Amino acid sequence: MMTSSLSLMDKLPNEMLAATLALLSSRELALVVLVSRRFYSVGVRVLYRRLVDAARLPGHELILECYHPSAKISTPYLACRYLGTCVADGGAIDDGEPVLADLSKLYSSFRPSQSDVEEAASSQQQAGHADWHQIGEAWQEDDEDDDEDKDEIATQDIGLDRGELFSQLCTVTNVVKQSSRRGLFVSHVNTCDGVVRVWRKWLADMAASSPIGNGYDDDDNHGTSGEGSTTISRDRFLWVDAAKSVGLRFRVAPAAASAADNPPLLSGPHDDSEDEDDPAVSYTLVYQELLVRSSMLLSAVETSASQAVSRSTKAVIIAPFEGLVL
């Protein structure tokens, strides 16, 4: 029976088979493509097209929260503007005949930047909570002025005490969706929540190799806004997770006022000989790029869609009763 069913499916035109497979979720589709060569050929193309479309986050926004563990409350969210798609570790994906194993190499590139949403989030966080209505309203106003040339550079100050080898940055990314009602987020899907270690040696090396200034490296941008995709080197990013699904690229510059020039008012005795190789230093990290695996964004978009369906089925309608009372 199974063999006869597969033979009937093989007789279907590619258009009908693609339309049938399109009804499946991405997780289901990834399993179905292993059934036969025909399913693989058509299903992988459907899955690839989904990844490319989801990379732009249609109807959704990506927000980034990156902060030192001690500055969680005071650090605002960053807006993330889509730049394009990238392929990791060289090579390219054939649009006509994509390979399933290569789809995991597809990334979406974003540029973190300051926006009005930061002020709304920061003011609410300082009060001990975040008002998503106010944040969403500020975000919507910011979208009206969305322009690459108007991106406000986002920076992160980081300091190392004497003898300290590294610092840490908590990194959280969320995919949110605005409703038709102004200033309201109807969906909020967390895609990443991890910690990045920023080592002293890495900071020194990056500061020495980074160009002077706190602007964007436009000539070194890996993203592309076209249909094609460019290649990237994973070694240039600080990765949040072991699977290298979310990465950050910074430009590093020495802070204007180093911690070494401003010693603490109270300090105990210490042996200078132990710290002469690792003095207190401060740097400014300039956000250049946020890289997110496209399959992660696709999963978030589908989760958001399923949440919307779940909410609609649980809706309660309140209306005057006009029926006959027995």
C-alpha atoms as a PDB file:
ATOM      1  CA  MET A   1       0.000   0.000   0.000  1.00  0.00           C
ATOM      2  CA  MET A   2       2.842   2.379   0.891  1.00  0.00           C
ATOM      3  CA  THR A   3       4.589   1.636  -2.408  1.00  0.00           C
ATOM      4  CA  SER A   4       1.450   2.284  -4.432  1.00  0.00           C
ATOM      5  CA  SER A   5       0.847   5.564  -2.586  1.00  0.00           C
ATOM      6  CA  LEU A   6       4.361   6.736  -3.348  1.00  0.00           C
ATOM      7  CA  SER A   7       3.997   5.787  -6.997  1.00  0.00           C
ATOM      8  CA  LEU A   8       0.836   7.880  -7.217  1.00  0.00           C
ATOM      9  CA  MET A   9       2.610  10.826  -5.614  1.00  0.00           C
ATOM     10  CA  ASP A  10       5.436  10.496  -8.121  1.00  0.00           C
ATOM     11  CA  LYS A  11       2.935  11.029 -10.913  1.00  0.00           C
ATOM     12  CA  LEU A  12       1.831  14.391  -9.540  1.00  0.00           C
ATOM     13  CA  PRO A  13       3.174  17.501 -11.274  1.00  0.00           C
ATOM     14  CA  ASN A  14       5.819  19.385  -9.330  1.00  0.00           C
ATOM     15  CA  GLU A  15       3.441  22.294  -8.809  1.00  0.00           C
ATOM     16  CA  MET A  16       0.812  20.117  -7.112  1.00  0.00           C
ATOM     17  CA  LEU A  17       3.387  18.294  -5.012  1.00  0.00           C
ATOM     18  CA  ALA A  18       4.920  21.596  -3.916  1.00  0.00           C
ATOM     19  CA  ALA A  19       1.483  22.940  -2.984  1.00  0.00           C
ATOM     20  CA  THR A  20       0.804  19.798  -0.937  1.00  0.00           C
ATOM     21  CA  LEU A  21       4.131  19.910   0.887  1.00  0.00           C
ATOM     22  CA  ALA A  22       3.641  23.618   1.572  1.00  0.00           C
ATOM     23  CA  LEU A  23       0.817  22.691   3.963  1.00  0.00           C
ATOM     24  CA  LEU A  24       3.320  21.078   6.335  1.00  0.00           C
ATOM     25  CA  SER A  25       5.266  22.887   9.019  1.00  0.00           C
ATOM     26  CA  SER A  26       9.001  23.285   8.533  1.00  0.00           C
ATOM     27  CA  ARG A  27       9.784  20.585  11.105  1.00  0.00           C
ATOM     28  CA  GLU A  28       7.421  18.159   9.379  1.00  0.00           C
ATOM     29  CA  LEU A  29       8.765  19.102   5.970  1.00  0.00           C
ATOM     30  CA  ALA A  30      12.357  18.427   7.055  1.00  0.00           C
ATOM     31  CA  LEU A  31      11.321  14.848   7.875  1.00  0.00           C
ATOM     32  CA  VAL A  32       9.144  14.268   4.813  1.00  0.00           C
ATOM     33  CA  VAL A  33      11.906  15.174   2.352  1.00  0.00           C
ATOM     34  CA  LEU A  34      13.733  12.004   3.405  1.00  0.00           C
ATOM     35  CA  VAL A  35      10.926   9.769   2.111  1.00  0.00           C
ATOM     36  CA  SER A  36      11.976   9.747  -1.538  1.00  0.00           C
ATOM     37  CA  ARG A  37      14.138  11.546  -4.056  1.00  0.00           C
ATOM     38  CA  ARG A  38      11.101  13.276  -5.526  1.00  0.00           C
ATOM     39  CA  PHE A  39      10.018  14.550  -2.137  1.00  0.00           C
ATOM     40  CA  TYR A  40      13.570  15.656  -1.452  1.00  0.00           C
ATOM     41  CA  SER A  41      13.922  17.600  -4.696  1.00  0.00           C
ATOM     42  CA  VAL A  42      10.629  19.463  -4.313  1.00  0.00           C
ATOM     43  CA  GLY A  43      10.521  19.698  -0.524  1.00  0.00           C
ATOM     44  CA  VAL A  44      13.992  21.171  -0.099  1.00  0.00           C
ATOM     45  CA  ARG A  45      13.145  23.930  -2.589  1.00  0.00           C
ATOM     46  CA  VAL A  46       9.994  24.720  -0.608  1.00  0.00           C
ATOM     47  CA  LEU A  47      11.986  24.783   2.617  1.00  0.00           C
ATOM     48  CA  TYR A  48      14.698  26.958   1.098  1.00  0.00           C
ATOM     49  CA  ARG A  49      12.142  29.476  -0.141  1.00  0.00           C
ATOM     50  CA  ARG A  50      10.636  29.614   3.346  1.00  0.00           C
ATOM     51  CA  LEU A  51      14.027  30.364   4.859  1.00  0.00           C
ATOM     52  CA  VAL A  52      14.701  33.158   2.378  1.00  0.00           C
ATOM     53  CA  ASP A  53      11.273  34.700   2.970  1.00  0.00           C
ATOM     54  CA  ALA A  54      11.505  34.357   6.761  1.00  0.00           C
ATOM     55  CA  ALA A  55      14.923  36.025   6.770  1.00  0.00           C
ATOM     56  CA  ARG A  56      13.188  39.352   6.224  1.00  0.00           C
ATOM     57  CA  LEU A  57      10.837  38.679   9.160  1.00  0.00           C
ATOM     58  CA  PRO A  58       7.667  39.709   7.281  1.00  0.00           C
ATOM     59  CA  GLY A  59       5.289  41.395   9.691  1.00  0.00           C
ATOM     60  CA  HIS A  60       7.756  40.976  12.558  1.00  0.00           C
ATOM     61  CA  GLU A  61      10.667  42.820  14.138  1.00  0.00           C
ATOM     62  CA  LEU A  62      13.879  41.609  15.760  1.00  0.00           C
ATOM     63  CA  ILE A  63      15.066  43.271  18.958  1.00  0.00           C
ATOM     64  CA  LEU A  64      18.400  42.758  20.708  1.00  0.00           C
ATOM     65  CA  GLU A  65      19.246  43.095  24.379  1.00  0.00           C
ATOM     66  CA  CYS A  66      22.967  42.930  25.171  1.00  0.00           C
ATOM     67  CA  TYR A  67      24.215  43.971  28.591  1.00  0.00           C
ATOM     68  CA  HIS A  68      26.690  43.311  31.375  1.00  0.00           C
ATOM     69  CA  PRO A  69      25.084  41.165  34.099  1.00  0.00           C
ATOM     70  CA  SER A  70      25.246  44.116  36.505  1.00  0.00           C
ATOM     71  CA  ALA A  71      23.489  46.481  34.063  1.00  0.00           C
ATOM     72  CA  LYS A  72      20.440  44.453  33.075  1.00  0.00           C
ATOM     73  CA  ILE A  73      17.889  47.000  34.283  1.00  0.00           C
ATOM     74  CA  SER A  74      19.594  50.085  32.866  1.00  0.00           C
ATOM     75  CA  THR A  75      20.490  48.710  29.418  1.00  0.00           C
ATOM     76  CA  PRO A  76      17.840  49.422  26.741  1.00  0.00           C
ATOM     77  CA  TYR A  77      16.809  47.299  23.796  1.00  0.00           C
ATOM     78  CA  LEU A  78      18.313  47.827  20.348  1.00  0.00           C
ATOM     79  CA  ALA A  79      16.426  47.890  17.085  1.00  0.00           C
ATOM     80  CA  CYS A  80      17.706  45.528  14.378  1.00  0.00           C
ATOM     81  CA  ARG A  81      17.427  46.510  10.728  1.00  0.00           C
ATOM     82  CA  TYR A  82      17.570  43.717   8.161  1.00  0.00           C
ATOM     83  CA  LEU A  83      20.587  43.860   5.837  1.00  0.00           C
ATOM     84  CA  GLY A  84      20.404  40.638   3.848  1.00  0.00           C
ATOM     85  CA  THR A  85      21.207  36.937   3.779  1.00  0.00           C
ATOM     86  CA  CYS A  86      24.618  35.329   4.211  1.00  0.00           C
ATOM     87  CA  VAL A  87      26.113  31.863   3.796  1.00  0.00           C
ATOM     88  CA  ALA A  88      28.669  30.736   6.366  1.00  0.00           C
ATOM     89  CA  ASP A  89      32.034  29.110   5.689  1.00  0.00           C
ATOM     90  CA  GLY A  90      32.296  29.912   2.020  1.00  0.00           C
ATOM     91  CA  GLY A  91      30.456  28.472  -0.932  1.00  0.00           C
ATOM     92  CA  ALA A  92      26.970  29.357  -2.104  1.00  0.00           C
ATOM     93  CA  ILE A  93      23.526  27.767  -2.184  1.00  0.00           C
ATOM     94  CA  ASP A  94      22.114  26.848  -5.575  1.00  0.00           C
ATOM     95  CA  ASP A  95      18.680  28.470  -5.787  1.00  0.00           C
ATOM     96  CA  GLY A  96      17.521  25.900  -8.325  1.00  0.00           C
ATOM     97  CA  GLU A  97      18.742  22.740  -6.580  1.00  0.00           C
ATOM     98  CA  PRO A  98      19.482  23.521  -2.928  1.00  0.00           C
ATOM     99  CA  VAL A  99      20.935  20.816  -0.689  1.00  0.00           C
ATOM    100  CA  LEU A 100      19.297  20.123   2.666  1.00  0.00           C
ATOM    101  CA  ALA A 101      22.611  20.097   4.543  1.00  0.00           C
ATOM    102  CA  ASP A 102      23.458  23.574   3.226  1.00  0.00           C
ATOM    103  CA  LEU A 103      20.284  25.210   4.534  1.00  0.00           C
ATOM    104  CA  SER A 104      21.710  25.351   8.048  1.00  0.00           C
ATOM    105  CA  LYS A 105      24.492  27.609   6.715  1.00  0.00           C
ATOM    106  CA  LEU A 106      22.019  30.331   5.772  1.00  0.00           C
ATOM    107  CA  TYR A 107      22.072  33.349   8.096  1.00  0.00           C
ATOM    108  CA  SER A 108      20.172  36.618   8.296  1.00  0.00           C
ATOM    109  CA  SER A 109      22.216  39.768   8.813  1.00  0.00           C
ATOM    110  CA  PHE A 110      20.958  42.697  10.895  1.00  0.00           C
ATOM    111  CA  ARG A 111      22.370  46.005  12.060  1.00  0.00           C
ATOM    112  CA  PRO A 112      21.699  46.851  15.717  1.00  0.00           C
ATOM    113  CA  SER A 113      21.094  50.548  16.237  1.00  0.00           C
ATOM    114  CA  GLN A 114      19.635  52.953  18.729  1.00  0.00           C
ATOM    115  CA  SER A 115      16.076  54.117  18.238  1.00  0.00           C
ATOM    116  CA  ASP A 116      13.189  55.699  20.097  1.00  0.00           C
ATOM    117  CA  VAL A 117      12.280  52.269  21.445  1.00  0.00           C
ATOM    118  CA  GLU A 118      15.366  52.459  23.654  1.00  0.00           C
ATOM    119  CA  GLU A 119      14.088  55.498  25.531  1.00  0.00           C
ATOM    120  CA  ALA A 120      10.723  53.882  26.166  1.00  0.00           C
ATOM    121  CA  ALA A 121      12.259  50.608  27.323  1.00  0.00           C
ATOM    122  CA  SER A 122      14.927  52.294  29.419  1.00  0.00           C
ATOM    123  CA  SER A 123      12.481  54.483  31.311  1.00  0.00           C
ATOM    124  CA  GLN A 124      10.253  51.523  32.078  1.00  0.00           C
ATOM    125  CA  GLN A 125      13.139  49.243  33.030  1.00  0.00           C
ATOM    126  CA  GLN A 126      14.436  51.813  35.496  1.00  0.00           C
ATOM    127  CA  ALA A 127      11.011  51.719  37.117  1.00  0.00           C
ATOM    128  CA  GLY A 128      11.384  47.951  37.467  1.00  0.00           C
ATOM    129  CA  HIS A 129       9.291  46.756  34.513  1.00  0.00           C
ATOM    130  CA  ALA A 130       8.950  47.155  30.765  1.00  0.00           C
ATOM    131  CA  ASP A 131       5.744  48.565  29.262  1.00  0.00           C
ATOM    132  CA  TRP A 132       5.384  46.744  25.944  1.00  0.00           C
ATOM    133  CA  HIS A 133       2.561  49.089  24.882  1.00  0.00           C
ATOM    134  CA  GLN A 134       4.810  52.120  25.175  1.00  0.00           C
ATOM    135  CA  ILE A 135       7.758  50.329  23.594  1.00  0.00           C
ATOM    136  CA  GLY A 136       5.659  49.207  20.646  1.00  0.00           C
ATOM    137  CA  GLU A 137       4.356  52.729  20.118  1.00  0.00           C
ATOM    138  CA  ALA A 138       7.864  54.144  20.046  1.00  0.00           C
ATOM    139  CA  TRP A 139       8.909  51.375  17.638  1.00  0.00           C
ATOM    140  CA  GLN A 140       6.060  52.159  15.267  1.00  0.00           C
ATOM    141  CA  GLU A 141       7.023  55.817  15.168  1.00  0.00           C
ATOM    142  CA  ASP A 142      10.607  54.803  14.475  1.00  0.00           C
ATOM    143  CA  ASP A 143       9.511  52.630  11.529  1.00  0.00           C
ATOM    144  CA  GLU A 144       8.073  55.673   9.804  1.00  0.00           C
ATOM    145  CA  ASP A 145      11.573  57.154   9.623  1.00  0.00           C
ATOM    146  CA  ASP A 146      13.319  53.882   8.775  1.00  0.00           C
ATOM    147  CA  ASP A 147      16.305  54.820   6.672  1.00  0.00           C
ATOM    148  CA  GLU A 148      19.753  53.299   6.465  1.00  0.00           C
ATOM    149  CA  ASP A 149      21.368  56.723   6.710  1.00  0.00           C
ATOM    150  CA  LYS A 150      19.462  57.478   9.919  1.00  0.00           C
ATOM    151  CA  ASP A 151      20.767  54.514  11.884  1.00  0.00           C
ATOM    152  CA  GLU A 152      22.091  55.752  15.199  1.00  0.00           C
ATOM    153  CA  ILE A 153      25.267  53.953  16.175  1.00  0.00           C
ATOM    154  CA  ALA A 154      24.837  51.630  19.148  1.00  0.00           C
ATOM    155  CA  THR A 155      27.770  51.146  21.503  1.00  0.00           C
ATOM    156  CA  GLN A 156      28.575  49.097  24.583  1.00  0.00           C
ATOM    157  CA  ASP A 157      31.160  50.167  27.154  1.00  0.00           C
ATOM    158  CA  ILE A 158      33.145  47.387  28.753  1.00  0.00           C
ATOM    159  CA  GLY A 159      35.855  47.517  31.401  1.00  0.00           C
ATOM    160  CA  LEU A 160      38.293  45.066  32.940  1.00  0.00           C
ATOM    161  CA  ASP A 161      39.763  45.463  36.416  1.00  0.00           C
ATOM    162  CA  ARG A 162      43.382  44.707  37.231  1.00  0.00           C
ATOM    163  CA  GLY A 163      44.122  41.053  36.605  1.00  0.00           C
ATOM    164  CA  GLU A 164      40.672  40.400  35.117  1.00  0.00           C
ATOM    165  CA  LEU A 165      40.963  38.242  31.997  1.00  0.00           C
ATOM    166  CA  PHE A 166      37.481  38.613  30.557  1.00  0.00           C
ATOM    167  CA  SER A 167      34.092  40.222  30.915  1.00  0.00           C
ATOM    168  CA  GLN A 168      30.644  38.885  30.052  1.00  0.00           C
ATOM    169  CA  LEU A 169      27.729  40.153  27.999  1.00  0.00           C
ATOM    170  CA  CYS A 170      24.279  38.629  28.370  1.00  0.00           C
ATOM    171  CA  THR A 171      22.653  38.456  24.934  1.00  0.00           C
ATOM    172  CA  VAL A 172      18.926  38.069  24.297  1.00  0.00           C
ATOM    173  CA  THR A 173      17.127  38.229  20.941  1.00  0.00           C
ATOM    174  CA  ASN A 174      13.358  38.297  20.488  1.00  0.00           C
ATOM    175  CA  VAL A 175      11.065  38.285  17.471  1.00  0.00           C
ATOM    176  CA  VAL A 176       8.042  40.498  18.093  1.00  0.00           C
ATOM    177  CA  LYS A 177       4.942  41.309  16.067  1.00  0.00           C
ATOM    178  CA  GLN A 178       2.861  44.433  16.234  1.00  0.00           C
ATOM    179  CA  SER A 179      -0.917  44.332  16.050  1.00  0.00           C
ATOM    180  CA  SER A 180      -3.108  46.634  13.990  1.00  0.00           C
ATOM    181  CA  ARG A 181      -3.690  48.587  17.185  1.00  0.00           C
ATOM    182  CA  ARG A 182      -1.049  51.243  17.690  1.00  0.00           C
ATOM    183  CA  GLY A 183       1.601  50.433  20.266  1.00  0.00           C
ATOM    184  CA  LEU A 184       0.666  46.820  21.024  1.00  0.00           C
ATOM    185  CA  PHE A 185       2.794  43.709  20.569  1.00  0.00           C
ATOM    186  CA  VAL A 186       0.601  40.674  20.019  1.00  0.00           C
ATOM    187  CA  SER A 187       3.485  38.205  19.749  1.00  0.00           C
ATOM    188  CA  HIS A 188       6.806  37.836  21.533  1.00  0.00           C
ATOM    189  CA  VAL A 189       9.054  34.849  20.739  1.00  0.00           C
ATOM    190  CA  ASN A 190      12.463  34.438  22.343  1.00  0.00           C
ATOM    191  CA  THR A 191      15.066  33.123  19.905  1.00  0.00           C
ATOM    192  CA  CYS A 192      18.262  33.323  21.953  1.00  0.00           C
ATOM    193  CA  ASP A 193      19.286  33.794  25.569  1.00  0.00           C
ATOM    194  CA  GLY A 194      22.973  33.280  26.275  1.00  0.00           C
ATOM    195  CA  VAL A 195      26.236  34.769  27.499  1.00  0.00           C
ATOM    196  CA  VAL A 196      29.249  35.949  25.503  1.00  0.00           C
ATOM    197  CA  ARG A 197      32.709  36.056  27.056  1.00  0.00           C
ATOM    198  CA  VAL A 198      34.787  39.014  25.914  1.00  0.00           C
ATOM    199  CA  TRP A 199      38.448  38.262  26.555  1.00  0.00           C
ATOM    200  CA  ARG A 200      41.131  40.842  27.331  1.00  0.00           C
ATOM    201  CA  LYS A 201      43.429  39.641  24.545  1.00  0.00           C
ATOM    202  CA  TRP A 202      40.595  39.728  22.000  1.00  0.00           C
ATOM    203  CA  LEU A 203      39.763  43.304  22.979  1.00  0.00           C
ATOM    204  CA  ALA A 204      43.389  44.383  22.626  1.00  0.00           C
ATOM    205  CA  ASP A 205      43.800  42.660  19.253  1.00  0.00           C
ATOM    206  CA  MET A 206      40.541  44.090  17.892  1.00  0.00           C
ATOM    207  CA  ALA A 207      41.359  47.592  19.121  1.00  0.00           C
ATOM    208  CA  ALA A 208      44.729  47.409  17.367  1.00  0.00           C
ATOM    209  CA  SER A 209      43.233  46.215  14.072  1.00  0.00           C
ATOM    210  CA  SER A 210      40.016  48.276  14.018  1.00  0.00           C
ATOM    211  CA  PRO A 211      39.988  51.477  11.946  1.00  0.00           C
ATOM    212  CA  ILE A 212      39.883  54.767  13.798  1.00  0.00           C
ATOM    213  CA  GLY A 213      36.402  56.084  14.518  1.00  0.00           C
ATOM    214  CA  ASN A 214      33.106  54.788  15.822  1.00  0.00           C
ATOM    215  CA  GLY A 215      31.204  54.416  12.562  1.00  0.00           C
ATOM    216  CA  TYR A 216      30.018  51.414  10.583  1.00  0.00           C
ATOM    217  CA  ASP A 217      32.322  49.264   8.480  1.00  0.00           C
ATOM    218  CA  ASP A 218      30.280  49.765   5.329  1.00  0.00           C
ATOM    219  CA  ASP A 219      33.013  48.353   3.130  1.00  0.00           C
ATOM    220  CA  ASP A 220      33.098  45.201   5.239  1.00  0.00           C
ATOM    221  CA  ASN A 221      29.362  44.558   5.405  1.00  0.00           C
ATOM    222  CA  HIS A 222      28.538  40.901   4.863  1.00  0.00           C
ATOM    223  CA  GLY A 223      24.813  41.226   4.327  1.00  0.00           C
ATOM    224  CA  THR A 224      23.071  41.790   1.037  1.00  0.00           C
ATOM    225  CA  SER A 225      19.593  43.093   0.434  1.00  0.00           C
ATOM    226  CA  GLY A 226      19.195  41.322  -2.879  1.00  0.00           C
ATOM    227  CA  GLU A 227      17.935  37.839  -3.702  1.00  0.00           C
ATOM    228  CA  GLY A 228      21.422  36.396  -3.674  1.00  0.00           C
ATOM    229  CA  SER A 229      23.566  35.716  -0.640  1.00  0.00           C
ATOM    230  CA  THR A 230      27.129  36.550   0.280  1.00  0.00           C
ATOM    231  CA  THR A 231      29.600  34.465   2.242  1.00  0.00           C
ATOM    232  CA  ILE A 232      30.875  35.213   5.729  1.00  0.00           C
ATOM    233  CA  SER A 233      33.636  34.028   8.009  1.00  0.00           C
ATOM    234  CA  ARG A 234      32.411  32.790  11.377  1.00  0.00           C
ATOM    235  CA  ASP A 235      35.753  33.627  12.985  1.00  0.00           C
ATOM    236  CA  ARG A 236      34.933  37.328  12.850  1.00  0.00           C
ATOM    237  CA  PHE A 237      31.994  37.035  15.225  1.00  0.00           C
ATOM    238  CA  LEU A 238      31.501  36.509  18.933  1.00  0.00           C
ATOM    239  CA  TRP A 239      29.046  33.618  19.133  1.00  0.00           C
ATOM    240  CA  VAL A 240      26.413  33.428  21.825  1.00  0.00           C
ATOM    241  CA  ASP A 241      25.864  29.666  21.658  1.00  0.00           C
ATOM    242  CA  ALA A 242      27.953  26.599  20.923  1.00  0.00           C
ATOM    243  CA  ALA A 243      25.972  25.890  17.744  1.00  0.00           C
ATOM    244  CA  LYS A 244      26.943  29.348  16.406  1.00  0.00           C
ATOM    245  CA  SER A 245      23.352  30.302  15.657  1.00  0.00           C
ATOM    246  CA  VAL A 246      23.618  33.894  16.925  1.00  0.00           C
ATOM    247  CA  GLY A 247      26.745  36.021  16.569  1.00  0.00           C
ATOM    248  CA  LEU A 248      27.796  39.621  17.105  1.00  0.00           C
ATOM    249  CA  ARG A 249      30.426  41.604  15.239  1.00  0.00           C
ATOM    250  CA  PHE A 250      31.957  44.677  16.861  1.00  0.00           C
ATOM    251  CA  ARG A 251      34.443  47.393  16.171  1.00  0.00           C
ATOM    252  CA  VAL A 252      36.582  47.931  19.279  1.00  0.00           C
ATOM    253  CA  ALA A 253      38.070  51.249  20.359  1.00  0.00           C
ATOM    254  CA  PRO A 254      39.799  52.289  23.586  1.00  0.00           C
ATOM    255  CA  ALA A 255      37.412  54.176  25.848  1.00  0.00           C
ATOM    256  CA  ALA A 256      37.809  57.942  26.007  1.00  0.00           C
ATOM    257  CA  ALA A 257      38.586  57.756  29.717  1.00  0.00           C
ATOM    258  CA  SER A 258      40.379  54.585  30.761  1.00  0.00           C
ATOM    259  CA  ALA A 259      39.695  53.062  34.146  1.00  0.00           C
ATOM    260  CA  ALA A 260      43.443  53.152  34.740  1.00  0.00           C
ATOM    261  CA  ASP A 261      43.287  56.980  34.594  1.00  0.00           C
ATOM    262  CA  ASN A 262      40.497  57.044  37.187  1.00  0.00           C
ATOM    263  CA  PRO A 263      41.445  54.721  40.066  1.00  0.00           C
ATOM    264  CA  PRO A 264      38.830  53.991  42.729  1.00  0.00           C
ATOM    265  CA  LEU A 265      38.669  56.334  45.692  1.00  0.00           C
ATOM    266  CA  LEU A 266      39.103  53.440  48.107  1.00  0.00           C
ATOM    267  CA  SER A 267      41.504  50.627  47.338  1.00  0.00           C
ATOM    268  CA  GLY A 268      43.351  48.134  49.445  1.00  0.00           C
ATOM    269  CA  PRO A 269      47.026  47.251  49.241  1.00  0.00           C
ATOM    270  CA  HIS A 270      48.055  45.145  46.283  1.00  0.00           C
ATOM    271  CA  ASP A 271      51.176  43.957  44.582  1.00  0.00           C
ATOM    272  CA  ASP A 272      51.758  46.036  41.437  1.00  0.00           C
ATOM    273  CA  SER A 273      54.127  43.404  40.070  1.00  0.00           C
ATOM    274  CA  GLU A 274      51.251  40.939  39.769  1.00  0.00           C
ATOM    275  CA  ASP A 275      49.094  43.341  37.735  1.00  0.00           C
ATOM    276  CA  GLU A 276      51.641  45.084  35.529  1.00  0.00           C
ATOM    277  CA  ASP A 277      50.810  42.738  32.635  1.00  0.00           C
ATOM    278  CA  ASP A 278      47.022  43.043  33.114  1.00  0.00           C
ATOM    279  CA  PRO A 279      46.203  46.633  34.111  1.00  0.00           C
ATOM    280  CA  ALA A 280      42.693  48.012  34.340  1.00  0.00           C
ATOM    281  CA  VAL A 281      41.426  48.904  30.860  1.00  0.00           C
ATOM    282  CA  SER A 282      38.223  50.173  29.261  1.00  0.00           C
ATOM    283  CA  TYR A 283      36.936  49.786  25.713  1.00  0.00           C
ATOM    284  CA  THR A 284      33.952  50.838  23.648  1.00  0.00           C
ATOM    285  CA  LEU A 285      32.317  48.179  21.487  1.00  0.00           C
ATOM    286  CA  VAL A 286      30.561  49.548  18.404  1.00  0.00           C
ATOM    287  CA  TYR A 287      27.849  47.230  17.099  1.00  0.00           C
ATOM    288  CA  GLN A 288      28.470  46.387  13.454  1.00  0.00           C
ATOM    289  CA  GLU A 289      26.334  43.340  12.742  1.00  0.00           C
ATOM    290  CA  LEU A 290      24.032  40.788  14.327  1.00  0.00           C
ATOM    291  CA  LEU A 291      23.948  37.398  12.629  1.00  0.00           C
ATOM    292  CA  VAL A 292      21.076  34.969  13.251  1.00  0.00           C
ATOM    293  CA  ARG A 293      20.625  31.544  11.699  1.00  0.00           C
ATOM    294  CA  SER A 294      17.684  31.813   9.299  1.00  0.00           C
ATOM    295  CA  SER A 295      16.168  28.517  10.445  1.00  0.00           C
ATOM    296  CA  MET A 296      15.870  29.997  13.945  1.00  0.00           C
ATOM    297  CA  LEU A 297      13.960  32.984  12.580  1.00  0.00           C
ATOM    298  CA  LEU A 298      11.708  30.710  10.526  1.00  0.00           C
ATOM    299  CA  SER A 299      10.865  28.730  13.645  1.00  0.00           C
ATOM    300  CA  ALA A 300      10.085  31.953  15.522  1.00  0.00           C
ATOM    301  CA  VAL A 301       7.786  33.219  12.764  1.00  0.00           C
ATOM    302  CA  GLU A 302       5.911  29.908  12.665  1.00  0.00           C
ATOM    303  CA  THR A 303       5.638  29.894  16.459  1.00  0.00           C
ATOM    304  CA  SER A 304       4.206  33.397  16.316  1.00  0.00           C
ATOM    305  CA  ALA A 305       1.654  32.268  13.734  1.00  0.00           C
ATOM    306  CA  SER A 306       0.606  29.295  15.862  1.00  0.00           C
ATOM    307  CA  GLN A 307       0.229  31.575  18.880  1.00  0.00           C
ATOM    308  CA  ALA A 308      -2.065  33.824  16.871  1.00  0.00           C
ATOM    309  CA  VAL A 309      -4.236  30.841  15.911  1.00  0.00           C
ATOM    310  CA  SER A 310      -4.321  29.650  19.517  1.00  0.00           C
ATOM    311  CA  ARG A 311      -5.437  33.058  20.744  1.00  0.00           C
ATOM    312  CA  SER A 312      -8.169  33.302  18.117  1.00  0.00           C
ATOM    313  CA  THR A 313      -9.641  29.916  19.076  1.00  0.00           C
ATOM    314  CA  LYS A 314      -9.758  30.950  22.732  1.00  0.00           C
ATOM    315  CA  ALA A 315     -11.423  34.306  22.110  1.00  0.00           C
ATOM    316  CA  VAL A 316     -14.432  35.196  24.230  1.00  0.00           C
ATOM    317  CA  ILE A 317     -17.176  37.176  22.491  1.00  0.00           C
ATOM    318  CA  ILE A 318     -19.293  39.399  24.735  1.00  0.00           C
ATOM    319  CA  ALA A 319     -22.547  40.539  23.130  1.00  0.00           C
ATOM    320  CA  PRO A 320     -26.130  41.221  24.241  1.00  0.00           C
ATOM    321  CA  PHE A 321     -28.291  38.081  24.354  1.00  0.00           C
ATOM    322  CA  GLU A 322     -31.227  38.257  21.979  1.00  0.00           C
ATOM    323  CA  GLY A 323     -32.455  34.683  22.203  1.00  0.00           C
ATOM    324  CA  LEU A 324     -35.694  33.363  23.634  1.00  0.00           C
ATOM    325  CA  VAL A 325     -35.669  32.850  27.390  1.00  0.00           C
ATOM    326  CA  LEU A 326     -37.626  29.737  28.392  1.00  0.00           C
END
